[in-house]
Each structure stands twice: as structure tokens, then as C-alpha cells.
């Protein structure tokens, strides 16, 4: 007779099924569903953010292109602003260089030199008496024309190394100036006044009395090496210069030009000569070594400043 109750074994199976279903729901189905829902949410979010990032990137690219375009425009503008003055400066600099190289324009150094020359000339306060006293009355080495407007007197020591350097300069500049300048030499033996300086000055004057050409040949030979100043060496120079050695020997033995040398020294002291070489150009004093450029500038200044 049925009572409606499950047997013990069936009841236990039913309980087991329910428990398994409950555990399945708790530990498998719901977590999997939850995981699926979360994954779906992440996917949606990824899609969203991807779209936002694409929009952001597009906007950034557009802004960057605009900024690049503006920078290019500004760069071109700055380049034009710099290129125009720099180009003008380059053209003008090249033009000045060509003018200076061709001698059409004076350099800053030349302007300073000219200013210095003008200052010395202005402060010289040279009188006719000064010019007359400086000019040798008798025998003196000469170059150029005696009728020239400009006279240059050099006080020289034949043992002075600066005079040695200036010797070739004087020859070159006077050759260029021709008859526009009258150049003369006066003796001023100060380095070894009673020794070699005077001996060479005496020998030079003894050659000079035989002629200007003989003197200038002696001058050029001697100033190739001023250490060669012994009696025999000077005599050899005189012979090579074309001087009559018999007359030369007599002149040196008599010391014929000692008084003339003493007079040159005295005139130099009165004129303010303190060392050699010292040049007087139209009475204005220029002391020390003068190279070709400086000596030419000095002469040209007076040629331009003095009346024709």
C-alpha cells in the first residue's frame, strides 16, 4: 500500500541533486555569467575608449599640423628678416674689401696713421730758420731733386740696426717718389761715437767726396751687413763702390771729415735728436724705424698739404 513517501535511497538521491544544483548555481553558473557580463562591459568600454582615443588623436594631429604650419611661416619670415640685412652686409663688406684692395678706400689703420702724421706736423711749429739749420750746407748724401717741395733729412748711425733696416726702405721709397722729394743724410754716430760708428761715418764721407753714385753703392754694400766695419772691410767696400782707393786712404788718414761729423751731431742735438734713425720731414721730427708704408704716407701727407 502506497503511503506517498520516498524510500530512503530515493530521498538521498533527491537531496544530492538539489545540493549539486545549488552548488552549480553558486560556484559555476553565476560566476560564469558574472564573468561574461564583466567581459561584455570591458569590451564595450574598450570600444568606447578606442573611439574617444581616435577622436583625441585626430584632434591632436590637426593641432600639430596647424602648429607646424605656423612655425614654418614664422621661420620663413625670420629667415627673410635675417637674410636681407645679412645679404646687404655681405655685399657692402665685399665692396669695401675690393675698394681697400684696389687702394680706392683708406683703412682704419691708415686713417689713424694719417691722423698721427697730421698731429706731429701741426705741433712741429717749424720756422724757416729751423729748415735752414737742418739742411746740410756742405757735403751730404742726396737722393731726388734739389728743387723738390719736400725735403727729408735723416740723422743716421752706421752701426744702428734700425738704420740698417731703414736703409733699404729709403732706397725703395725714394725710387718711387722720384724728383718729388729731396732726401739727405746727416751723421749722428751715438752707438759707438769714438769707435766703429765714427769710423764708418768717416769712411762713408771719404767715399762721398768722390761722388754720389760711389757713395750710394758703398751705402748699399755696407748695409747688407753692418758688422763688417773693420778698416780693411770698409776699404774693400770703397773699392767695390768704385772709389779711388789712393784718395780714399789719404782722406781717412787725414780724418778729413771729423769736423763735419761733429757739426752734424751738434745740429742733431739742437734739433732734439735722441736716437737713430731720426727723420725730419719738412722740419717735423719722426723718430725710429719707418717702414715703406709709413714713410710713403708721411711724404704723401706733405705733398698734399703743401701748396704746389
Protein backbone atom coordinates (compact mmCIF):
# COMPACT_ATOMS: atom_id res chain seq x y z
CA UNK A 1 0.00 0.00 0.00
CA UNK A 2 1.44 3.31 -1.05
CA UNK A 3 2.00 5.92 1.55
CA UNK A 4 3.45 8.82 -0.82
CA UNK A 5 6.80 8.89 0.85
CA UNK A 6 10.10 8.30 -0.99
CA UNK A 7 12.24 5.43 0.00
CA UNK A 8 15.35 6.36 1.89
CA UNK A 9 17.61 5.79 -1.09
CA UNK A 10 15.49 7.97 -3.41
CA UNK A 11 15.29 10.70 -0.86
CA UNK A 12 19.04 10.82 -0.56
CA UNK A 13 19.42 10.99 -4.36
CA UNK A 14 16.99 13.89 -4.49
CA UNK A 15 18.82 15.72 -1.79
CA UNK A 16 22.08 15.12 -3.61
CA UNK A 17 20.67 16.57 -6.86
CA UNK A 18 19.42 19.67 -5.15
CA UNK A 19 22.70 20.18 -3.41
CA UNK A 20 24.55 19.75 -6.74
CA UNK A 21 22.19 22.18 -8.46
CA UNK A 22 22.65 24.71 -5.70
CA UNK A 23 26.44 24.34 -5.85
CA UNK A 24 26.35 24.54 -9.64
CA UNK A 25 24.35 27.77 -9.46
CA UNK A 26 26.59 29.24 -6.76
CA UNK A 27 30.00 28.17 -7.92
CA UNK A 28 29.74 27.76 -11.70
CA UNK A 29 26.74 29.26 -13.45
CA UNK A 30 26.56 32.55 -11.62
CA UNK A 31 30.31 33.23 -11.70
CA UNK A 32 30.48 32.35 -15.37
CA UNK A 33 27.52 34.62 -16.08
CA UNK A 34 29.09 37.31 -13.98
CA UNK A 35 32.37 36.88 -15.83
CA UNK A 36 30.59 37.06 -19.15
CA UNK A 37 28.77 40.21 -18.13
CA UNK A 38 32.03 41.79 -16.91
CA UNK A 39 33.81 40.83 -20.14
CA UNK A 40 31.00 42.35 -22.12
CA UNK A 41 31.30 45.51 -20.08
CA UNK A 42 35.04 45.65 -20.68
CA UNK A 43 34.55 45.16 -24.38
CA UNK A 44 32.04 47.99 -24.54
CA UNK A 45 34.35 50.20 -22.58
CA UNK A 46 37.24 49.32 -24.88
CA UNK A 47 35.17 50.19 -27.90
CA UNK A 48 34.19 53.47 -26.26
CA UNK A 49 37.69 54.44 -25.29
CA UNK A 50 39.00 53.45 -28.70
CA UNK A 51 36.56 55.80 -30.32
CA UNK A 52 37.43 58.56 -27.86
CA UNK A 53 41.17 57.99 -28.39
CA UNK A 54 40.70 58.12 -32.14
CA UNK A 55 38.87 61.41 -31.78
CA UNK A 56 41.55 62.73 -29.42
CA UNK A 57 44.34 61.60 -31.74
CA UNK A 58 42.65 63.18 -34.73
CA UNK A 59 42.29 66.46 -32.87
CA UNK A 60 45.95 66.30 -31.75
CA UNK A 61 47.14 65.61 -35.29
CA UNK A 62 45.11 68.55 -36.59
CA UNK A 63 46.53 70.84 -33.89
CA UNK A 64 50.05 69.60 -34.58
CA UNK A 65 49.70 70.25 -38.30
CA UNK A 66 48.44 73.76 -37.61
CA UNK A 67 51.31 74.43 -35.19
CA UNK A 68 53.84 73.07 -37.71
CA UNK A 69 52.36 75.26 -40.42
CA UNK A 70 52.57 78.32 -38.18
CA UNK A 71 56.19 77.51 -37.25
CA UNK A 72 57.13 77.15 -40.91
CA UNK A 73 55.54 80.51 -41.72
CA UNK A 74 57.28 82.19 -38.75
CA UNK A 75 60.61 80.55 -39.72
CA UNK A 76 60.35 81.80 -43.28
CA UNK A 77 59.53 85.29 -42.01
CA UNK A 78 62.50 85.28 -39.61
CA UNK A 79 64.79 83.95 -42.35
CA UNK A 80 63.73 86.78 -44.67
CA UNK A 81 64.26 89.34 -41.89
CA UNK A 82 67.79 88.00 -41.25
CA UNK A 83 68.75 87.20 -44.84
CA UNK A 84 68.06 90.69 -46.20
CA UNK A 85 70.35 92.62 -43.77
CA UNK A 86 72.97 89.86 -43.77
CA UNK A 87 72.99 89.81 -47.54
CA UNK A 88 73.29 93.58 -47.64
CA UNK A 89 76.11 93.45 -45.06
CA UNK A 90 77.93 90.81 -47.11
CA UNK A 91 77.61 92.80 -50.32
CA UNK A 92 78.80 96.01 -48.63
CA UNK A 93 81.71 94.21 -46.90
CA UNK A 94 82.84 92.70 -50.18
CA UNK A 95 82.56 96.11 -51.82
CA UNK A 96 84.67 97.74 -49.08
CA UNK A 97 87.22 94.94 -49.38
CA UNK A 98 87.53 95.46 -53.11
CA UNK A 99 87.88 99.22 -52.64
CA UNK A 100 90.55 98.81 -49.95
CA UNK A 101 92.42 96.20 -52.02
CA UNK A 102 92.39 98.49 -55.05
CA UNK A 103 93.52 101.49 -52.99
CA UNK A 104 90.31 103.44 -53.57
CA UNK A 105 89.45 103.44 -49.87
CA UNK A 106 91.53 104.12 -46.75
CA UNK A 107 91.68 101.53 -43.97
CA UNK A 108 91.18 102.42 -40.29
CA UNK A 109 94.89 101.85 -39.71
CA UNK A 110 95.72 104.31 -42.49
CA UNK A 111 93.32 106.88 -41.03
CA UNK A 112 94.99 106.58 -37.63
CA UNK A 113 98.41 106.88 -39.20
CA UNK A 114 97.34 109.93 -41.18
CA UNK A 115 95.90 111.49 -38.02
CA UNK A 116 99.17 110.85 -36.16
CA UNK A 117 101.21 112.37 -39.01
CA UNK A 118 98.94 115.42 -39.11
CA UNK A 119 99.24 115.85 -35.35
CA UNK A 120 103.05 115.75 -35.48
CA UNK A 121 103.08 118.16 -38.41
CA UNK A 122 100.70 120.58 -36.67
CA UNK A 123 102.66 120.57 -33.40
CA UNK A 124 106.06 120.90 -35.07
CA UNK A 125 105.90 124.73 -35.33
CA UNK A 126 108.67 124.67 -37.89
CA UNK A 127 110.17 128.00 -38.93
CA UNK A 128 112.26 128.86 -41.97
CA UNK A 129 115.25 129.15 -39.65
CA UNK A 130 114.65 125.58 -38.46
CA UNK A 131 114.56 124.34 -42.05
CA UNK A 132 117.70 126.26 -42.94
CA UNK A 133 119.58 124.92 -39.90
CA UNK A 134 118.59 121.30 -40.55
CA UNK A 135 119.69 121.36 -44.18
CA UNK A 136 123.37 120.46 -44.67
CA UNK A 137 125.43 123.33 -46.06
CA UNK A 138 128.21 121.22 -47.49
CA UNK A 139 128.80 117.61 -48.35
CA UNK A 140 125.86 115.23 -47.75
CA UNK A 141 124.43 112.09 -49.37
CA UNK A 142 121.43 113.05 -51.53
CA UNK A 143 118.59 111.44 -53.45
CA UNK A 144 115.90 113.09 -55.50
CA UNK A 145 115.74 116.65 -56.80
CA UNK A 146 117.11 119.71 -55.01
CA UNK A 147 114.14 121.68 -56.33
CA UNK A 148 111.56 119.34 -54.76
CA UNK A 149 108.93 120.80 -52.43
CA UNK A 150 109.60 118.20 -49.72
CA UNK A 151 112.95 117.81 -48.01
CA UNK A 152 113.78 114.88 -45.74
CA UNK A 153 116.86 114.86 -43.55
CA UNK A 154 117.81 111.61 -41.80
CA UNK A 155 120.19 111.59 -38.85
CA UNK A 156 121.86 108.20 -39.07
CA UNK A 157 124.35 105.98 -37.25
CA UNK A 158 126.02 103.42 -39.50
CA UNK A 159 126.14 100.95 -36.58
CA UNK A 160 122.45 101.33 -35.72
CA UNK A 161 120.44 98.15 -36.53
CA UNK A 162 117.29 100.22 -37.15
CA UNK A 163 119.19 102.38 -39.60
CA UNK A 164 120.27 99.15 -41.28
CA UNK A 165 116.59 98.16 -41.67
CA UNK A 166 115.61 101.62 -42.88
CA UNK A 167 118.38 101.80 -45.49
CA UNK A 168 116.55 99.60 -48.00
CA UNK A 169 113.23 101.27 -47.17
CA UNK A 170 114.63 104.70 -48.03
CA UNK A 171 116.01 103.40 -51.32
CA UNK A 172 112.67 101.87 -52.35
CA UNK A 173 110.50 104.82 -51.31
CA UNK A 174 112.78 107.40 -52.88
CA UNK A 175 112.83 105.40 -56.10
CA UNK A 176 109.02 105.53 -56.13
CA UNK A 177 108.89 109.24 -55.26
CA UNK A 178 111.39 110.27 -57.88
CA UNK A 179 112.04 114.03 -58.11
CA UNK A 180 109.12 114.97 -55.86
CA UNK A 181 111.29 114.62 -52.73
CA UNK A 182 114.81 115.69 -51.80
CA UNK A 183 116.41 113.28 -49.32
CA UNK A 184 119.65 113.93 -47.41
CA UNK A 185 121.67 112.17 -44.70
CA UNK A 186 123.48 113.70 -41.73
CA UNK A 187 125.81 111.72 -39.47
CA UNK A 188 124.85 111.00 -35.88
CA UNK A 189 127.27 108.35 -34.51
CA UNK A 190 125.92 107.70 -30.99
CA UNK A 191 126.14 103.92 -30.53
CA UNK A 192 129.95 103.91 -30.62
CA UNK A 193 130.74 107.62 -31.11
CA UNK A 194 134.53 107.28 -30.93
CA UNK A 195 134.78 103.76 -32.35
CA UNK A 196 133.13 101.98 -35.24
CA UNK A 197 130.21 104.41 -35.61
CA UNK A 198 132.59 107.27 -36.32
CA UNK A 199 134.99 105.14 -38.38
CA UNK A 200 132.23 104.10 -40.78
CA UNK A 201 130.88 107.68 -40.93
CA UNK A 202 134.37 108.91 -41.82
CA UNK A 203 134.82 106.20 -44.47
CA UNK A 204 131.39 106.97 -45.95
CA UNK A 205 132.23 110.68 -46.24
CA UNK A 206 135.57 109.89 -47.83
CA UNK A 207 133.74 107.86 -50.48
CA UNK A 208 131.06 110.55 -50.80
CA UNK A 209 133.60 113.24 -51.71
CA UNK A 210 134.31 111.21 -54.86
CA UNK A 211 130.67 111.29 -55.94
CA UNK A 212 127.05 110.49 -55.02
CA UNK A 213 126.98 107.34 -57.13
CA UNK A 214 130.08 105.98 -55.42
CA UNK A 215 128.57 106.80 -52.01
CA UNK A 216 125.23 105.06 -52.66
CA UNK A 217 127.00 101.96 -53.93
CA UNK A 218 129.11 102.00 -50.73
CA UNK A 219 125.91 102.61 -48.71
CA UNK A 220 124.12 99.61 -50.22
CA UNK A 221 127.13 97.32 -49.86
CA UNK A 222 127.75 98.26 -46.25
CA UNK A 223 124.14 97.96 -45.11
CA UNK A 224 123.96 94.35 -46.26
CA UNK A 225 125.89 93.58 -43.04
CA UNK A 226 126.82 96.41 -40.68
CA UNK A 227 129.05 94.12 -38.61
CA UNK A 228 131.65 94.28 -41.39
CA UNK A 229 133.13 97.56 -40.23
CA UNK A 230 136.85 96.90 -39.83
CA UNK A 231 139.34 99.16 -41.63
CA UNK A 232 140.06 96.53 -44.25
CA UNK A 233 136.39 95.70 -44.82
CA UNK A 234 135.47 99.37 -45.24
CA UNK A 235 138.36 99.82 -47.66
CA UNK A 236 137.11 96.81 -49.65
CA UNK A 237 133.59 98.29 -49.80
CA UNK A 238 135.03 101.58 -51.03
CA UNK A 239 136.94 99.78 -53.75
CA UNK A 240 133.84 97.81 -54.82
CA UNK A 241 131.85 101.05 -54.90
CA UNK A 242 134.27 102.45 -57.48
CA UNK A 243 136.13 104.92 -55.27
CA UNK A 244 139.75 105.82 -55.95
CA UNK A 245 141.46 103.88 -53.14
CA UNK A 246 144.53 106.15 -53.04
CA UNK A 247 142.36 109.23 -52.47
CA UNK A 248 140.17 107.28 -50.04
CA UNK A 249 143.18 106.17 -47.95
CA UNK A 250 144.50 109.75 -47.80
CA UNK A 251 141.11 111.09 -46.72
CA UNK A 252 140.73 108.50 -43.94
CA UNK A 253 144.31 109.02 -42.70
CA UNK A 254 143.80 112.81 -42.54
CA UNK A 255 140.41 112.31 -40.82
CA UNK A 256 139.24 114.95 -43.23
CA UNK A 257 135.57 114.91 -42.21
CA UNK A 258 135.75 114.68 -38.41
CA UNK A 259 134.69 118.33 -38.03
CA UNK A 260 131.81 117.81 -40.48
CA UNK A 261 130.62 114.81 -38.42
CA UNK A 262 130.90 116.84 -35.19
CA UNK A 263 128.82 119.61 -36.75
CA UNK A 264 126.13 117.11 -37.79
CA UNK A 265 125.99 115.81 -34.22
CA UNK A 266 125.66 119.33 -32.82
CA UNK A 267 122.86 120.22 -35.24
CA UNK A 268 121.09 116.99 -34.35
CA UNK A 269 121.26 117.74 -30.63
CA UNK A 270 119.87 121.25 -31.15
CA UNK A 271 117.04 119.77 -33.25
CA UNK A 272 116.12 117.31 -30.49
CA UNK A 273 117.56 114.12 -31.95
CA UNK A 274 117.62 111.48 -29.21
CA UNK A 275 118.40 108.36 -31.21
CA UNK A 276 118.70 106.96 -34.68
CA UNK A 277 117.23 106.89 -37.16
CA UNK A 278 115.50 110.26 -36.83
CA UNK A 279 113.80 111.79 -39.86
CA UNK A 280 112.88 115.43 -40.33
CA UNK A 281 110.21 115.81 -43.00
CA UNK A 282 109.68 119.49 -43.80
CA UNK A 283 111.07 120.16 -40.32
CA UNK A 284 108.72 117.79 -38.42
CA UNK A 285 110.52 115.06 -36.45
CA UNK A 286 109.74 111.36 -36.86
CA UNK A 287 111.96 109.16 -34.73
CA UNK A 288 112.57 105.43 -35.12
CA UNK A 289 112.21 102.83 -37.82
CA UNK A 290 109.75 103.73 -40.60
CA UNK A 291 108.60 101.01 -42.95
CA UNK A 292 107.70 101.58 -46.60
CA UNK A 293 104.05 102.25 -45.89
CA UNK A 294 104.61 104.73 -43.07
CA UNK A 295 107.36 106.65 -44.84
CA UNK A 296 105.26 106.86 -48.01
CA UNK A 297 102.24 108.04 -46.00
CA UNK A 298 104.31 110.76 -44.35
CA UNK A 299 105.67 112.02 -47.67
CA UNK A 300 102.25 111.91 -49.35
CA UNK A 301 100.71 113.86 -46.49
CA UNK A 302 103.12 116.75 -47.04
CA UNK A 303 102.82 116.55 -50.81
CA UNK A 304 99.06 117.01 -50.44
CA UNK A 305 99.24 119.59 -47.63
CA UNK A 306 101.87 121.94 -49.07
CA UNK A 307 100.99 124.34 -51.86
CA UNK A 308 102.14 123.48 -55.36
